[in-house]
Amino acid sequence: MEEELTIRQAGIEAEVQRRVELVKKQLAEEMATELQKIKEAELEERKRLEAEELERRKEVERRLEENNLRIEEAQKKLAEERLAMVEEHRRIDEERRLLRQEQEKQVKEEQKVILNKGKVRPKLSFSFKPA
């Protein structure tokens, strides 16, 4: 009986060892599968985040380009307004200069008439009538 018990015990131990190995193998496979799923999920998440970041970057670049265009247009408009103001100022200065020249010419003409320079004033002839 002891012999049979020893033989059975050896068989049981072998069966237990076989089952333990089988469970270990299954557990290792499950862990490897789970680890692979986690890696794939992390990879998917990383790709999604990169895509979102790329989209945000494109949006920022688009807005930046729009703002640059607006600034450029505003600068052009401001330059045109400045040019118009300078031109208006130049025109006003020219009108003032011409008006001043005209006034000076008129004053000179009046002085010529008063002083009879250039024989501008007609000669006055007068005589006394005998009474």
C-alpha atoms as a PDB file:
ATOM      1  CA  MET A   1       0.000   0.000   0.000  1.00  0.00           C
ATOM      2  CA  GLU A   2       2.798   2.312   0.783  1.00  0.00           C
ATOM      3  CA  GLU A   3       4.259   1.524  -2.561  1.00  0.00           C
ATOM      4  CA  GLU A   4       1.006   2.252  -4.258  1.00  0.00           C
ATOM      5  CA  LEU A   5       0.605   5.395  -2.188  1.00  0.00           C
ATOM      6  CA  THR A   6       4.110   6.502  -3.166  1.00  0.00           C
ATOM      7  CA  ILE A   7       3.354   5.772  -6.816  1.00  0.00           C
ATOM      8  CA  ARG A   8       0.061   7.633  -6.612  1.00  0.00           C
ATOM      9  CA  GLN A   9       1.659  10.472  -4.728  1.00  0.00           C
ATOM     10  CA  ALA A  10       4.283  10.749  -7.428  1.00  0.00           C
ATOM     11  CA  GLY A  11       1.508  10.720 -10.053  1.00  0.00           C
ATOM     12  CA  ILE A  12      -0.491  13.295  -8.119  1.00  0.00           C
ATOM     13  CA  GLU A  13       2.549  15.488  -7.693  1.00  0.00           C
ATOM     14  CA  ALA A  14       3.272  15.180 -11.403  1.00  0.00           C
ATOM     15  CA  GLU A  15      -0.367  16.051 -12.205  1.00  0.00           C
ATOM     16  CA  VAL A  16      -0.271  18.998  -9.788  1.00  0.00           C
ATOM     17  CA  GLN A  17       3.024  20.138 -11.313  1.00  0.00           C
ATOM     18  CA  ARG A  18       1.563  19.780 -14.806  1.00  0.00           C
ATOM     19  CA  ARG A  19      -1.545  21.769 -13.827  1.00  0.00           C
ATOM     20  CA  VAL A  20       0.571  24.441 -12.106  1.00  0.00           C
ATOM     21  CA  GLU A  21       2.688  24.767 -15.242  1.00  0.00           C
ATOM     22  CA  LEU A  22      -0.462  24.936 -17.366  1.00  0.00           C
ATOM     23  CA  VAL A  23      -1.951  27.675 -15.157  1.00  0.00           C
ATOM     24  CA  LYS A  24       1.388  29.542 -15.180  1.00  0.00           C
ATOM     25  CA  LYS A  25       1.476  29.316 -18.958  1.00  0.00           C
ATOM     26  CA  GLN A  26      -2.133  30.526 -19.269  1.00  0.00           C
ATOM     27  CA  LEU A  27      -1.480  33.344 -16.813  1.00  0.00           C
ATOM     28  CA  ALA A  28       1.659  34.386 -18.708  1.00  0.00           C
ATOM     29  CA  GLU A  29      -0.302  34.374 -21.989  1.00  0.00           C
ATOM     30  CA  GLU A  30      -3.119  36.437 -20.436  1.00  0.00           C
ATOM     31  CA  MET A  31      -0.619  38.926 -19.017  1.00  0.00           C
ATOM     32  CA  ALA A  32       1.157  39.173 -22.373  1.00  0.00           C
ATOM     33  CA  THR A  33      -2.181  39.721 -24.124  1.00  0.00           C
ATOM     34  CA  GLU A  34      -3.236  42.328 -21.560  1.00  0.00           C
ATOM     35  CA  LEU A  35       0.141  44.060 -21.843  1.00  0.00           C
ATOM     36  CA  GLN A  36      -0.198  44.101 -25.634  1.00  0.00           C
ATOM     37  CA  LYS A  37      -3.697  45.616 -25.334  1.00  0.00           C
ATOM     38  CA  ILE A  38      -2.382  48.308 -22.971  1.00  0.00           C
ATOM     39  CA  LYS A  39       0.482  49.115 -25.343  1.00  0.00           C
ATOM     40  CA  GLU A  40      -1.922  49.342 -28.278  1.00  0.00           C
ATOM     41  CA  ALA A  41      -4.288  51.571 -26.283  1.00  0.00           C
ATOM     42  CA  GLU A  42      -1.399  53.843 -25.288  1.00  0.00           C
ATOM     43  CA  LEU A  43      -0.224  53.975 -28.893  1.00  0.00           C
ATOM     44  CA  GLU A  44      -3.739  54.847 -30.072  1.00  0.00           C
ATOM     45  CA  GLU A  45      -4.001  57.548 -27.386  1.00  0.00           C
ATOM     46  CA  ARG A  46      -0.608  58.980 -28.356  1.00  0.00           C
ATOM     47  CA  LYS A  47      -1.622  59.068 -32.028  1.00  0.00           C
ATOM     48  CA  ARG A  48      -4.907  60.771 -31.134  1.00  0.00           C
ATOM     49  CA  LEU A  49      -3.113  63.369 -29.002  1.00  0.00           C
ATOM     50  CA  GLU A  50      -0.565  64.007 -31.748  1.00  0.00           C
ATOM     51  CA  ALA A  51      -3.361  64.461 -34.263  1.00  0.00           C
ATOM     52  CA  GLU A  52      -5.137  66.895 -31.924  1.00  0.00           C
ATOM     53  CA  GLU A  53      -1.899  68.792 -31.345  1.00  0.00           C
ATOM     54  CA  LEU A  54      -1.266  68.979 -35.086  1.00  0.00           C
ATOM     55  CA  GLU A  55      -4.805  70.262 -35.626  1.00  0.00           C
ATOM     56  CA  ARG A  56      -4.375  72.892 -32.878  1.00  0.00           C
ATOM     57  CA  ARG A  57      -1.042  73.947 -34.368  1.00  0.00           C
ATOM     58  CA  LYS A  58      -2.623  74.299 -37.821  1.00  0.00           C
ATOM     59  CA  GLU A  59      -5.453  76.377 -36.332  1.00  0.00           C
ATOM     60  CA  VAL A  60      -2.978  78.637 -34.529  1.00  0.00           C
ATOM     61  CA  GLU A  61      -0.931  79.054 -37.717  1.00  0.00           C
ATOM     62  CA  ARG A  62      -4.100  79.859 -39.682  1.00  0.00           C
ATOM     63  CA  ARG A  63      -5.141  82.475 -37.122  1.00  0.00           C
ATOM     64  CA  LEU A  64      -1.628  83.897 -37.096  1.00  0.00           C
ATOM     65  CA  GLU A  65      -1.696  84.194 -40.882  1.00  0.00           C
ATOM     66  CA  GLU A  66      -5.111  85.903 -40.739  1.00  0.00           C
ATOM     67  CA  ASN A  67      -3.847  88.321 -38.098  1.00  0.00           C
ATOM     68  CA  ASN A  68      -0.744  89.067 -40.153  1.00  0.00           C
ATOM     69  CA  LEU A  69      -2.940  89.827 -43.164  1.00  0.00           C
ATOM     70  CA  ARG A  70      -5.146  92.117 -41.074  1.00  0.00           C
ATOM     71  CA  ILE A  71      -2.098  93.910 -39.700  1.00  0.00           C
ATOM     72  CA  GLU A  72      -0.639  94.267 -43.177  1.00  0.00           C
ATOM     73  CA  GLU A  73      -3.931  95.669 -44.506  1.00  0.00           C
ATOM     74  CA  ALA A  74      -4.178  98.069 -41.557  1.00  0.00           C
ATOM     75  CA  GLN A  75      -0.602  99.234 -42.152  1.00  0.00           C
ATOM     76  CA  LYS A  76      -1.322  99.790 -45.847  1.00  0.00           C
ATOM     77  CA  LYS A  77      -4.458 101.755 -44.991  1.00  0.00           C
ATOM     78  CA  LEU A  78      -2.549 103.803 -42.415  1.00  0.00           C
ATOM     79  CA  ALA A  79       0.218 104.492 -44.932  1.00  0.00           C
ATOM     80  CA  GLU A  80      -2.366 105.614 -47.494  1.00  0.00           C
ATOM     81  CA  GLU A  81      -4.001 107.878 -44.929  1.00  0.00           C
ATOM     82  CA  ARG A  82      -0.632 109.352 -43.969  1.00  0.00           C
ATOM     83  CA  LEU A  83       0.164 109.932 -47.618  1.00  0.00           C
ATOM     84  CA  ALA A  84      -3.201 111.637 -48.114  1.00  0.00           C
ATOM     85  CA  MET A  85      -2.586 113.806 -45.040  1.00  0.00           C
ATOM     86  CA  VAL A  86       0.883 114.762 -46.253  1.00  0.00           C
ATOM     87  CA  GLU A  87      -0.512 115.582 -49.679  1.00  0.00           C
ATOM     88  CA  GLU A  88      -3.302 117.674 -48.118  1.00  0.00           C
ATOM     89  CA  HIS A  89      -0.770 119.484 -45.940  1.00  0.00           C
ATOM     90  CA  ARG A  90       1.421 120.165 -48.966  1.00  0.00           C
ATOM     91  CA  ARG A  91      -1.581 121.468 -50.910  1.00  0.00           C
ATOM     92  CA  ILE A  92      -2.575 123.777 -48.035  1.00  0.00           C
ATOM     93  CA  ASP A  93       1.001 125.049 -47.737  1.00  0.00           C
ATOM     94  CA  GLU A  94       1.094 125.703 -51.479  1.00  0.00           C
ATOM     95  CA  GLU A  95      -2.219 127.595 -51.298  1.00  0.00           C
ATOM     96  CA  ARG A  96      -0.881 129.676 -48.390  1.00  0.00           C
ATOM     97  CA  ARG A  97       2.298 130.452 -50.320  1.00  0.00           C
ATOM     98  CA  LEU A  98       0.343 131.478 -53.393  1.00  0.00           C
ATOM     99  CA  LEU A  99      -2.032 133.604 -51.309  1.00  0.00           C
ATOM    100  CA  ARG A 100       0.916 135.260 -49.557  1.00  0.00           C
ATOM    101  CA  GLN A 101       2.551 135.970 -52.928  1.00  0.00           C
ATOM    102  CA  GLU A 102      -0.689 137.416 -54.260  1.00  0.00           C
ATOM    103  CA  GLN A 103      -1.050 139.641 -51.189  1.00  0.00           C
ATOM    104  CA  GLU A 104       2.569 140.825 -51.486  1.00  0.00           C
ATOM    105  CA  LYS A 105       2.028 141.564 -55.175  1.00  0.00           C
ATOM    106  CA  GLN A 106      -1.145 143.497 -54.368  1.00  0.00           C
ATOM    107  CA  VAL A 107       0.658 145.493 -51.641  1.00  0.00           C
ATOM    108  CA  LYS A 108       3.484 146.334 -54.083  1.00  0.00           C
ATOM    109  CA  GLU A 109       0.972 147.450 -56.691  1.00  0.00           C
ATOM    110  CA  GLU A 110      -0.762 149.648 -54.133  1.00  0.00           C
ATOM    111  CA  GLN A 111       2.599 151.141 -53.101  1.00  0.00           C
ATOM    112  CA  LYS A 112       3.451 151.813 -56.757  1.00  0.00           C
ATOM    113  CA  VAL A 113       0.148 153.623 -57.198  1.00  0.00           C
ATOM    114  CA  ILE A 114       0.682 155.621 -54.008  1.00  0.00           C
ATOM    115  CA  LEU A 115       4.281 156.534 -54.855  1.00  0.00           C
ATOM    116  CA  ASN A 116       3.570 156.824 -58.570  1.00  0.00           C
ATOM    117  CA  LYS A 117       6.410 154.501 -59.464  1.00  0.00           C
ATOM    118  CA  GLY A 118       6.500 153.445 -63.039  1.00  0.00           C
ATOM    119  CA  LYS A 119       4.084 156.234 -63.917  1.00  0.00           C
ATOM    120  CA  VAL A 120       1.113 154.136 -63.003  1.00  0.00           C
ATOM    121  CA  ARG A 121      -1.065 156.931 -61.742  1.00  0.00           C
ATOM    122  CA  PRO A 122      -2.566 159.272 -64.347  1.00  0.00           C
ATOM    123  CA  LYS A 123      -1.261 162.781 -64.374  1.00  0.00           C
ATOM    124  CA  LEU A 124      -3.445 165.256 -62.696  1.00  0.00           C
ATOM    125  CA  SER A 125      -3.752 168.478 -64.454  1.00  0.00           C
ATOM    126  CA  PHE A 126      -5.363 171.359 -62.839  1.00  0.00           C
ATOM    127  CA  SER A 127      -5.477 175.049 -63.362  1.00  0.00           C
ATOM    128  CA  PHE A 128      -6.758 178.076 -61.584  1.00  0.00           C
ATOM    129  CA  LYS A 129      -9.643 179.922 -63.090  1.00  0.00           C
ATOM    130  CA  PRO A 130      -9.483 183.623 -62.986  1.00  0.00           C
ATOM    131  CA  ALA A 131     -12.131 184.978 -60.803  1.00  0.00           C
END
